[in-house]
All heavy atoms as atom14 arrays in JSON, in Angstrom:
{
  "sequence": "PKVVSIHSRGAETAVLDTLLEYRVRHAMFHWYSGPTGILDE",
  "atom14_mask": [
    [1, 1, 1, 1, 1, 1, 1, 0, 0, 0, 0, 0, 0, 0],
    [1, 1, 1, 1, 1, 1, 1, 1, 1, 0, 0, 0, 0, 0],
    [1, 1, 1, 1, 1, 1, 1, 0, 0, 0, 0, 0, 0, 0],
    [1, 1, 1, 1, 1, 1, 1, 0, 0, 0, 0, 0, 0, 0],
    [1, 1, 1, 1, 1, 1, 0, 0, 0, 0, 0, 0, 0, 0],
    [1, 1, 1, 1, 1, 1, 1, 1, 0, 0, 0, 0, 0, 0],
    [1, 1, 1, 1, 1, 1, 1, 1, 1, 1, 0, 0, 0, 0],
    [1, 1, 1, 1, 1, 1, 0, 0, 0, 0, 0, 0, 0, 0],
    [1, 1, 1, 1, 1, 1, 1, 1, 1, 1, 1, 0, 0, 0],
    [1, 1, 1, 1, 0, 0, 0, 0, 0, 0, 0, 0, 0, 0],
    [1, 1, 1, 1, 1, 0, 0, 0, 0, 0, 0, 0, 0, 0],
    [1, 1, 1, 1, 1, 1, 1, 1, 1, 0, 0, 0, 0, 0],
    [1, 1, 1, 1, 1, 1, 1, 0, 0, 0, 0, 0, 0, 0],
    [1, 1, 1, 1, 1, 0, 0, 0, 0, 0, 0, 0, 0, 0],
    [1, 1, 1, 1, 1, 1, 1, 0, 0, 0, 0, 0, 0, 0],
    [1, 1, 1, 1, 1, 1, 1, 1, 0, 0, 0, 0, 0, 0],
    [1, 1, 1, 1, 1, 1, 1, 1, 0, 0, 0, 0, 0, 0],
    [1, 1, 1, 1, 1, 1, 1, 0, 0, 0, 0, 0, 0, 0],
    [1, 1, 1, 1, 1, 1, 1, 1, 0, 0, 0, 0, 0, 0],
    [1, 1, 1, 1, 1, 1, 1, 1, 0, 0, 0, 0, 0, 0],
    [1, 1, 1, 1, 1, 1, 1, 1, 1, 0, 0, 0, 0, 0],
    [1, 1, 1, 1, 1, 1, 1, 1, 1, 1, 1, 1, 0, 0],
    [1, 1, 1, 1, 1, 1, 1, 1, 1, 1, 1, 0, 0, 0],
    [1, 1, 1, 1, 1, 1, 1, 0, 0, 0, 0, 0, 0, 0],
    [1, 1, 1, 1, 1, 1, 1, 1, 1, 1, 1, 0, 0, 0],
    [1, 1, 1, 1, 1, 1, 1, 1, 1, 1, 0, 0, 0, 0],
    [1, 1, 1, 1, 1, 0, 0, 0, 0, 0, 0, 0, 0, 0],
    [1, 1, 1, 1, 1, 1, 1, 1, 0, 0, 0, 0, 0, 0],
    [1, 1, 1, 1, 1, 1, 1, 1, 1, 1, 1, 0, 0, 0],
    [1, 1, 1, 1, 1, 1, 1, 1, 1, 1, 0, 0, 0, 0],
    [1, 1, 1, 1, 1, 1, 1, 1, 1, 1, 1, 1, 1, 1],
    [1, 1, 1, 1, 1, 1, 1, 1, 1, 1, 1, 1, 0, 0],
    [1, 1, 1, 1, 1, 1, 0, 0, 0, 0, 0, 0, 0, 0],
    [1, 1, 1, 1, 0, 0, 0, 0, 0, 0, 0, 0, 0, 0],
    [1, 1, 1, 1, 1, 1, 1, 0, 0, 0, 0, 0, 0, 0],
    [1, 1, 1, 1, 1, 1, 1, 0, 0, 0, 0, 0, 0, 0],
    [1, 1, 1, 1, 0, 0, 0, 0, 0, 0, 0, 0, 0, 0],
    [1, 1, 1, 1, 1, 1, 1, 1, 0, 0, 0, 0, 0, 0],
    [1, 1, 1, 1, 1, 1, 1, 1, 0, 0, 0, 0, 0, 0],
    [1, 1, 1, 1, 1, 1, 1, 1, 0, 0, 0, 0, 0, 0],
    [1, 1, 1, 1, 1, 1, 1, 1, 1, 0, 0, 0, 0, 0]
  ],
  "atom14_positions": [
    [[-102.17, -19.21, -16.94], [-102.4, -18.98, -15.51], [-103.72, -18.22, -15.22], [-104.08, -17.27, -15.92], [-101.22, -18.13, -15.09], [-100.13, -18.5, -16.09], [-100.86, -18.72, -17.37], [0.0, 0.0, 0.0], [0.0, 0.0, 0.0], [0.0, 0.0, 0.0], [0.0, 0.0, 0.0], [0.0, 0.0, 0.0], [0.0, 0.0, 0.0], [0.0, 0.0, 0.0]],
    [[-104.41, -18.69, -14.21], [-105.64, -18.08, -13.69], [-105.58, -18.1, -12.17], [-104.87, -18.9, -11.58], [-106.87, -18.9, -14.18], [-106.98, -19.1, -15.66], [-107.43, -17.83, -16.39], [-107.6, -18.07, -17.91], [-108.03, -16.85, -18.6], [0.0, 0.0, 0.0], [0.0, 0.0, 0.0], [0.0, 0.0, 0.0], [0.0, 0.0, 0.0], [0.0, 0.0, 0.0]],
    [[-106.4, -17.27, -11.53], [-106.62, -17.39, -10.12], [-107.58, -18.55, -9.91], [-108.69, -18.57, -10.46], [-107.27, -16.09, -9.57], [-107.62, -16.29, -8.09], [-106.32, -14.91, -9.74], [0.0, 0.0, 0.0], [0.0, 0.0, 0.0], [0.0, 0.0, 0.0], [0.0, 0.0, 0.0], [0.0, 0.0, 0.0], [0.0, 0.0, 0.0], [0.0, 0.0, 0.0]],
    [[-107.14, -19.56, -9.16], [-107.91, -20.78, -9.0], [-108.32, -20.98, -7.54], [-107.44, -21.01, -6.68], [-107.1, -22.01, -9.48], [-107.95, -23.27, -9.42], [-106.56, -21.81, -10.86], [0.0, 0.0, 0.0], [0.0, 0.0, 0.0], [0.0, 0.0, 0.0], [0.0, 0.0, 0.0], [0.0, 0.0, 0.0], [0.0, 0.0, 0.0], [0.0, 0.0, 0.0]],
    [[-109.61, -21.07, -7.31], [-110.14, -21.28, -5.93], [-110.52, -22.74, -5.79], [-111.38, -23.24, -6.54], [-111.36, -20.36, -5.66], [-111.72, -20.47, -4.32], [0.0, 0.0, 0.0], [0.0, 0.0, 0.0], [0.0, 0.0, 0.0], [0.0, 0.0, 0.0], [0.0, 0.0, 0.0], [0.0, 0.0, 0.0], [0.0, 0.0, 0.0], [0.0, 0.0, 0.0]],
    [[-109.9, -23.43, -4.81], [-109.9, -24.89, -4.77], [-110.61, -25.42, -3.54], [-110.35, -25.03, -2.41], [-108.45, -25.41, -4.79], [-107.83, -25.07, -6.15], [-108.41, -26.89, -4.55], [-106.35, -25.48, -6.26], [0.0, 0.0, 0.0], [0.0, 0.0, 0.0], [0.0, 0.0, 0.0], [0.0, 0.0, 0.0], [0.0, 0.0, 0.0], [0.0, 0.0, 0.0]],
    [[-111.49, -26.37, -3.81], [-112.19, -27.17, -2.81], [-111.36, -28.44, -2.59], [-110.99, -29.1, -3.54], [-113.57, -27.52, -3.38], [-114.45, -28.36, -2.53], [-115.66, -27.88, -2.0], [-114.36, -29.65, -2.1], [-116.22, -28.84, -1.33], [-115.5, -29.92, -1.35], [0.0, 0.0, 0.0], [0.0, 0.0, 0.0], [0.0, 0.0, 0.0], [0.0, 0.0, 0.0]],
    [[-111.07, -28.77, -1.34], [-110.14, -29.91, -1.11], [-110.57, -30.82, 0.03], [-109.75, -31.56, 0.61], [-108.73, -29.36, -0.79], [-108.73, -28.55, 0.37], [0.0, 0.0, 0.0], [0.0, 0.0, 0.0], [0.0, 0.0, 0.0], [0.0, 0.0, 0.0], [0.0, 0.0, 0.0], [0.0, 0.0, 0.0], [0.0, 0.0, 0.0], [0.0, 0.0, 0.0]],
    [[-111.87, -30.85, 0.36], [-112.33, -31.55, 1.54], [-112.06, -33.09, 1.41], [-112.51, -33.73, 0.5], [-113.82, -31.3, 1.73], [-114.41, -31.94, 2.96], [-115.84, -31.49, 3.24], [-116.71, -31.79, 2.13], [-118.02, -31.57, 2.15], [-118.58, -31.04, 3.24], [-118.76, -31.82, 1.11], [0.0, 0.0, 0.0], [0.0, 0.0, 0.0], [0.0, 0.0, 0.0]],
    [[-111.33, -33.58, 2.38], [-111.01, -34.99, 2.41], [-110.07, -35.45, 1.29], [-109.86, -36.64, 1.17], [0.0, 0.0, 0.0], [0.0, 0.0, 0.0], [0.0, 0.0, 0.0], [0.0, 0.0, 0.0], [0.0, 0.0, 0.0], [0.0, 0.0, 0.0], [0.0, 0.0, 0.0], [0.0, 0.0, 0.0], [0.0, 0.0, 0.0], [0.0, 0.0, 0.0]],
    [[-109.52, -34.51, 0.56], [-108.73, -34.85, -0.61], [-107.48, -33.96, -0.73], [-106.96, -33.72, -1.79], [-109.54, -34.76, -1.87], [0.0, 0.0, 0.0], [0.0, 0.0, 0.0], [0.0, 0.0, 0.0], [0.0, 0.0, 0.0], [0.0, 0.0, 0.0], [0.0, 0.0, 0.0], [0.0, 0.0, 0.0], [0.0, 0.0, 0.0], [0.0, 0.0, 0.0]],
    [[-107.03, -33.48, 0.43], [-105.98, -32.47, 0.4], [-104.68, -32.91, -0.24], [-104.04, -32.22, -1.0], [-105.71, -31.97, 1.83], [-106.87, -31.31, 2.52], [-107.92, -32.23, 3.11], [-107.63, -33.44, 3.19], [-108.97, -31.75, 3.5], [0.0, 0.0, 0.0], [0.0, 0.0, 0.0], [0.0, 0.0, 0.0], [0.0, 0.0, 0.0], [0.0, 0.0, 0.0]],
    [[-104.28, -34.19, 0.04], [-103.07, -34.71, -0.55], [-103.18, -34.85, -2.03], [-102.28, -34.44, -2.8], [-102.72, -36.09, 0.08], [-102.49, -35.92, 1.47], [-101.49, -36.7, -0.55], [0.0, 0.0, 0.0], [0.0, 0.0, 0.0], [0.0, 0.0, 0.0], [0.0, 0.0, 0.0], [0.0, 0.0, 0.0], [0.0, 0.0, 0.0], [0.0, 0.0, 0.0]],
    [[-104.3, -35.34, -2.5], [-104.51, -35.51, -3.95], [-104.54, -34.16, -4.64], [-104.04, -34.02, -5.77], [-105.81, -36.27, -4.23], [0.0, 0.0, 0.0], [0.0, 0.0, 0.0], [0.0, 0.0, 0.0], [0.0, 0.0, 0.0], [0.0, 0.0, 0.0], [0.0, 0.0, 0.0], [0.0, 0.0, 0.0], [0.0, 0.0, 0.0], [0.0, 0.0, 0.0]],
    [[-105.17, -33.13, -4.03], [-105.18, -31.8, -4.6], [-103.75, -31.28, -4.75], [-103.35, -30.8, -5.84], [-106.04, -30.86, -3.74], [-105.74, -29.4, -4.12], [-107.51, -31.13, -3.95], [0.0, 0.0, 0.0], [0.0, 0.0, 0.0], [0.0, 0.0, 0.0], [0.0, 0.0, 0.0], [0.0, 0.0, 0.0], [0.0, 0.0, 0.0], [0.0, 0.0, 0.0]],
    [[-103.0, -31.32, -3.67], [-101.63, -30.76, -3.7], [-100.76, -31.55, -4.66], [-99.99, -30.92, -5.47], [-101.04, -30.76, -2.3], [-99.65, -30.1, -2.18], [-99.72, -28.64, -2.67], [-99.15, -30.19, -0.76], [0.0, 0.0, 0.0], [0.0, 0.0, 0.0], [0.0, 0.0, 0.0], [0.0, 0.0, 0.0], [0.0, 0.0, 0.0], [0.0, 0.0, 0.0]],
    [[-100.89, -32.86, -4.74], [-100.12, -33.65, -5.68], [-100.41, -33.26, -7.13], [-99.53, -33.19, -7.97], [-100.4, -35.14, -5.51], [-99.77, -35.74, -4.23], [-98.9, -35.07, -3.65], [-100.13, -36.86, -3.88], [0.0, 0.0, 0.0], [0.0, 0.0, 0.0], [0.0, 0.0, 0.0], [0.0, 0.0, 0.0], [0.0, 0.0, 0.0], [0.0, 0.0, 0.0]],
    [[-101.68, -33.0, -7.4], [-102.11, -32.58, -8.76], [-101.55, -31.22, -9.1], [-101.04, -31.01, -10.23], [-103.62, -32.58, -8.89], [-104.14, -33.9, -8.58], [-104.08, -32.26, -10.32], [0.0, 0.0, 0.0], [0.0, 0.0, 0.0], [0.0, 0.0, 0.0], [0.0, 0.0, 0.0], [0.0, 0.0, 0.0], [0.0, 0.0, 0.0], [0.0, 0.0, 0.0]],
    [[-101.6, -30.3, -8.15], [-101.03, -28.96, -8.44], [-99.53, -29.05, -8.69], [-99.01, -28.41, -9.59], [-101.27, -28.06, -7.21], [-102.75, -27.73, -6.89], [-102.85, -26.86, -5.63], [-103.46, -27.03, -8.06], [0.0, 0.0, 0.0], [0.0, 0.0, 0.0], [0.0, 0.0, 0.0], [0.0, 0.0, 0.0], [0.0, 0.0, 0.0], [0.0, 0.0, 0.0]],
    [[-98.86, -29.9, -7.96], [-97.39, -30.08, -8.14], [-97.12, -30.75, -9.48], [-96.19, -30.36, -10.2], [-96.81, -30.89, -7.0], [-96.78, -30.21, -5.62], [-96.37, -31.19, -4.54], [-95.83, -29.0, -5.62], [0.0, 0.0, 0.0], [0.0, 0.0, 0.0], [0.0, 0.0, 0.0], [0.0, 0.0, 0.0], [0.0, 0.0, 0.0], [0.0, 0.0, 0.0]],
    [[-97.93, -31.77, -9.8], [-97.7, -32.48, -11.07], [-97.83, -31.55, -12.27], [-97.04, -31.65, -13.21], [-98.75, -33.59, -11.16], [-98.66, -34.4, -12.47], [-99.73, -35.46, -12.61], [-100.52, -35.65, -11.62], [-99.84, -36.08, -13.69], [0.0, 0.0, 0.0], [0.0, 0.0, 0.0], [0.0, 0.0, 0.0], [0.0, 0.0, 0.0], [0.0, 0.0, 0.0]],
    [[-98.82, -30.69, -12.23], [-99.05, -29.77, -13.38], [-98.39, -28.39, -13.2], [-98.64, -27.51, -14.0], [-100.55, -29.64, -13.64], [-101.16, -30.91, -14.21], [-101.73, -31.87, -13.38], [-101.1, -31.16, -15.57], [-102.25, -33.04, -13.93], [-101.64, -32.34, -16.12], [-102.19, -33.25, -15.29], [-102.73, -34.41, -15.82], [0.0, 0.0, 0.0], [0.0, 0.0, 0.0]],
    [[-97.63, -28.26, -12.14], [-96.91, -27.01, -11.85], [-97.84, -25.8, -11.83], [-97.53, -24.72, -12.37], [-95.81, -26.79, -12.91], [-94.78, -27.94, -12.92], [-93.66, -27.68, -13.87], [-92.69, -28.77, -13.87], [-91.59, -28.84, -14.6], [-91.34, -27.83, -15.45], [-90.82, -29.87, -14.55], [0.0, 0.0, 0.0], [0.0, 0.0, 0.0], [0.0, 0.0, 0.0]],
    [[-98.98, -25.98, -11.15], [-99.89, -24.87, -10.92], [-99.38, -24.07, -9.77], [-99.17, -24.59, -8.68], [-101.31, -25.41, -10.66], [-102.28, -24.24, -10.36], [-101.83, -26.19, -11.85], [0.0, 0.0, 0.0], [0.0, 0.0, 0.0], [0.0, 0.0, 0.0], [0.0, 0.0, 0.0], [0.0, 0.0, 0.0], [0.0, 0.0, 0.0], [0.0, 0.0, 0.0]],
    [[-99.25, -22.79, -9.94], [-98.67, -21.93, -8.93], [-99.74, -20.95, -8.36], [-100.64, -20.54, -9.04], [-97.51, -21.06, -9.55], [-96.38, -21.95, -10.12], [-95.45, -21.15, -10.98], [-94.83, -20.02, -10.29], [-95.08, -18.74, -10.55], [-95.92, -18.42, -11.53], [-94.5, -17.78, -9.92], [0.0, 0.0, 0.0], [0.0, 0.0, 0.0], [0.0, 0.0, 0.0]],
    [[-99.57, -20.61, -7.07], [-100.31, -19.58, -6.44], [-101.83, -19.79, -6.5], [-102.61, -18.9, -6.74], [-99.95, -18.2, -7.03], [-98.49, -17.97, -7.14], [-97.64, -18.04, -6.02], [-97.69, -17.69, -8.2], [-96.38, -17.78, -6.44], [-96.39, -17.59, -7.76], [0.0, 0.0, 0.0], [0.0, 0.0, 0.0], [0.0, 0.0, 0.0], [0.0, 0.0, 0.0]],
    [[-102.24, -21.01, -6.23], [-103.67, -21.34, -6.11], [-104.19, -20.9, -4.76], [-103.39, -20.68, -3.82], [-103.91, -22.84, -6.31], [0.0, 0.0, 0.0], [0.0, 0.0, 0.0], [0.0, 0.0, 0.0], [0.0, 0.0, 0.0], [0.0, 0.0, 0.0], [0.0, 0.0, 0.0], [0.0, 0.0, 0.0], [0.0, 0.0, 0.0], [0.0, 0.0, 0.0]],
    [[-105.5, -20.77, -4.64], [-106.16, -20.43, -3.38], [-106.85, -21.68, -2.81], [-107.73, -22.21, -3.46], [-107.21, -19.36, -3.55], [-106.68, -18.03, -4.02], [-107.97, -16.75, -3.96], [-109.21, -17.39, -5.09], [0.0, 0.0, 0.0], [0.0, 0.0, 0.0], [0.0, 0.0, 0.0], [0.0, 0.0, 0.0], [0.0, 0.0, 0.0], [0.0, 0.0, 0.0]],
    [[-106.44, -22.14, -1.64], [-107.16, -23.21, -0.93], [-108.3, -22.57, -0.2], [-108.12, -21.85, 0.78], [-106.22, -23.93, 0.01], [-105.36, -24.94, -0.63], [-104.23, -24.57, -1.39], [-105.68, -26.3, -0.53], [-103.41, -25.54, -1.99], [-104.82, -27.27, -1.14], [-103.74, -26.88, -1.88], [0.0, 0.0, 0.0], [0.0, 0.0, 0.0], [0.0, 0.0, 0.0]],
    [[-109.54, -22.82, -0.63], [-110.74, -22.29, -0.04], [-111.14, -23.15, 1.15], [-111.25, -24.37, 1.05], [-111.82, -22.23, -1.11], [-113.19, -22.63, -0.67], [-113.95, -21.85, 0.17], [-113.95, -23.72, -0.94], [-115.11, -22.47, 0.39], [-115.12, -23.59, -0.29], [0.0, 0.0, 0.0], [0.0, 0.0, 0.0], [0.0, 0.0, 0.0], [0.0, 0.0, 0.0]],
    [[-111.35, -22.49, 2.33], [-111.87, -23.15, 3.54], [-111.11, -24.44, 3.81], [-111.68, -25.5, 3.91], [-113.38, -23.38, 3.44], [-114.05, -23.71, 4.73], [-113.46, -24.01, 5.95], [-115.48, -23.7, 5.01], [-114.41, -24.2, 6.94], [-115.64, -24.01, 6.38], [-116.57, -23.45, 4.19], [-116.91, -24.08, 6.94], [-117.83, -23.57, 4.8], [-117.97, -23.86, 6.14]],
    [[-109.8, -24.36, 3.91], [-108.97, -25.53, 4.14], [-109.34, -26.15, 5.48], [-109.44, -25.46, 6.51], [-107.49, -25.16, 4.1], [-106.58, -26.37, 4.28], [-106.2, -27.12, 3.17], [-106.16, -26.75, 5.52], [-105.37, -28.23, 3.29], [-105.33, -27.86, 5.69], [-104.97, -28.62, 4.58], [-104.19, -29.73, 4.72], [0.0, 0.0, 0.0], [0.0, 0.0, 0.0]],
    [[-109.49, -27.47, 5.52], [-109.85, -28.15, 6.79], [-109.08, -29.43, 6.99], [-109.44, -30.27, 7.79], [-111.34, -28.48, 6.79], [-111.7, -29.33, 5.72], [0.0, 0.0, 0.0], [0.0, 0.0, 0.0], [0.0, 0.0, 0.0], [0.0, 0.0, 0.0], [0.0, 0.0, 0.0], [0.0, 0.0, 0.0], [0.0, 0.0, 0.0], [0.0, 0.0, 0.0]],
    [[-107.97, -29.59, 6.25], [-107.24, -30.85, 6.3], [-106.08, -30.88, 7.25], [-105.98, -30.03, 8.16], [0.0, 0.0, 0.0], [0.0, 0.0, 0.0], [0.0, 0.0, 0.0], [0.0, 0.0, 0.0], [0.0, 0.0, 0.0], [0.0, 0.0, 0.0], [0.0, 0.0, 0.0], [0.0, 0.0, 0.0], [0.0, 0.0, 0.0], [0.0, 0.0, 0.0]],
    [[-105.15, -31.84, 7.07], [-104.01, -32.01, 7.96], [-103.08, -30.79, 7.92], [-102.86, -30.15, 6.89], [-103.3, -33.25, 7.42], [-104.33, -33.95, 6.59], [-105.19, -32.88, 6.02], [0.0, 0.0, 0.0], [0.0, 0.0, 0.0], [0.0, 0.0, 0.0], [0.0, 0.0, 0.0], [0.0, 0.0, 0.0], [0.0, 0.0, 0.0], [0.0, 0.0, 0.0]],
    [[-102.47, -30.52, 9.07], [-101.54, -29.36, 9.14], [-100.31, -29.63, 8.3], [-99.73, -28.69, 7.74], [-101.13, -29.09, 10.6], [-100.58, -30.26, 11.18], [-102.34, -28.64, 11.43], [0.0, 0.0, 0.0], [0.0, 0.0, 0.0], [0.0, 0.0, 0.0], [0.0, 0.0, 0.0], [0.0, 0.0, 0.0], [0.0, 0.0, 0.0], [0.0, 0.0, 0.0]],
    [[-99.9, -30.87, 8.16], [-98.72, -31.18, 7.4], [-98.91, -30.81, 5.91], [-97.97, -30.28, 5.25], [0.0, 0.0, 0.0], [0.0, 0.0, 0.0], [0.0, 0.0, 0.0], [0.0, 0.0, 0.0], [0.0, 0.0, 0.0], [0.0, 0.0, 0.0], [0.0, 0.0, 0.0], [0.0, 0.0, 0.0], [0.0, 0.0, 0.0], [0.0, 0.0, 0.0]],
    [[-100.07, -31.11, 5.38], [-100.35, -30.74, 3.97], [-100.51, -29.27, 3.82], [-100.0, -28.65, 2.86], [-101.62, -31.44, 3.47], [-101.48, -32.96, 3.6], [-101.94, -31.05, 2.02], [-100.34, -33.52, 2.8], [0.0, 0.0, 0.0], [0.0, 0.0, 0.0], [0.0, 0.0, 0.0], [0.0, 0.0, 0.0], [0.0, 0.0, 0.0], [0.0, 0.0, 0.0]],
    [[-101.08, -28.59, 4.86], [-101.12, -27.11, 4.81], [-99.73, -26.55, 4.75], [-99.43, -25.65, 3.92], [-101.86, -26.6, 6.07], [-102.07, -25.11, 6.2], [-103.34, -24.79, 7.03], [-100.89, -24.37, 6.79], [0.0, 0.0, 0.0], [0.0, 0.0, 0.0], [0.0, 0.0, 0.0], [0.0, 0.0, 0.0], [0.0, 0.0, 0.0], [0.0, 0.0, 0.0]],
    [[-98.82, -27.08, 5.57], [-97.43, -26.58, 5.56], [-96.77, -26.79, 4.22], [-96.04, -25.92, 3.75], [-96.62, -27.27, 6.67], [-97.11, -26.88, 8.08], [-97.85, -25.9, 8.2], [-96.77, -27.64, 9.0], [0.0, 0.0, 0.0], [0.0, 0.0, 0.0], [0.0, 0.0, 0.0], [0.0, 0.0, 0.0], [0.0, 0.0, 0.0], [0.0, 0.0, 0.0]],
    [[-97.02, -27.94, 3.58], [-96.47, -28.2, 2.25], [-96.98, -27.19, 1.24], [-96.27, -26.72, 0.38], [-96.8, -29.61, 1.81], [-96.01, -30.71, 2.49], [-96.3, -32.07, 1.9], [-96.37, -32.16, 0.64], [-96.52, -33.0, 2.68], [0.0, 0.0, 0.0], [0.0, 0.0, 0.0], [0.0, 0.0, 0.0], [0.0, 0.0, 0.0], [0.0, 0.0, 0.0]]
  ]
}
């Protein structure tokens, strides 16, 4: 585990899916600008 700062522009679903697939916990979404539904997830 590391503190991970994540860029997700235009790729929010793919980012979250990857974090879930690899069970990465407590990541930081940097300057999130995507859909509210993905933010809520």
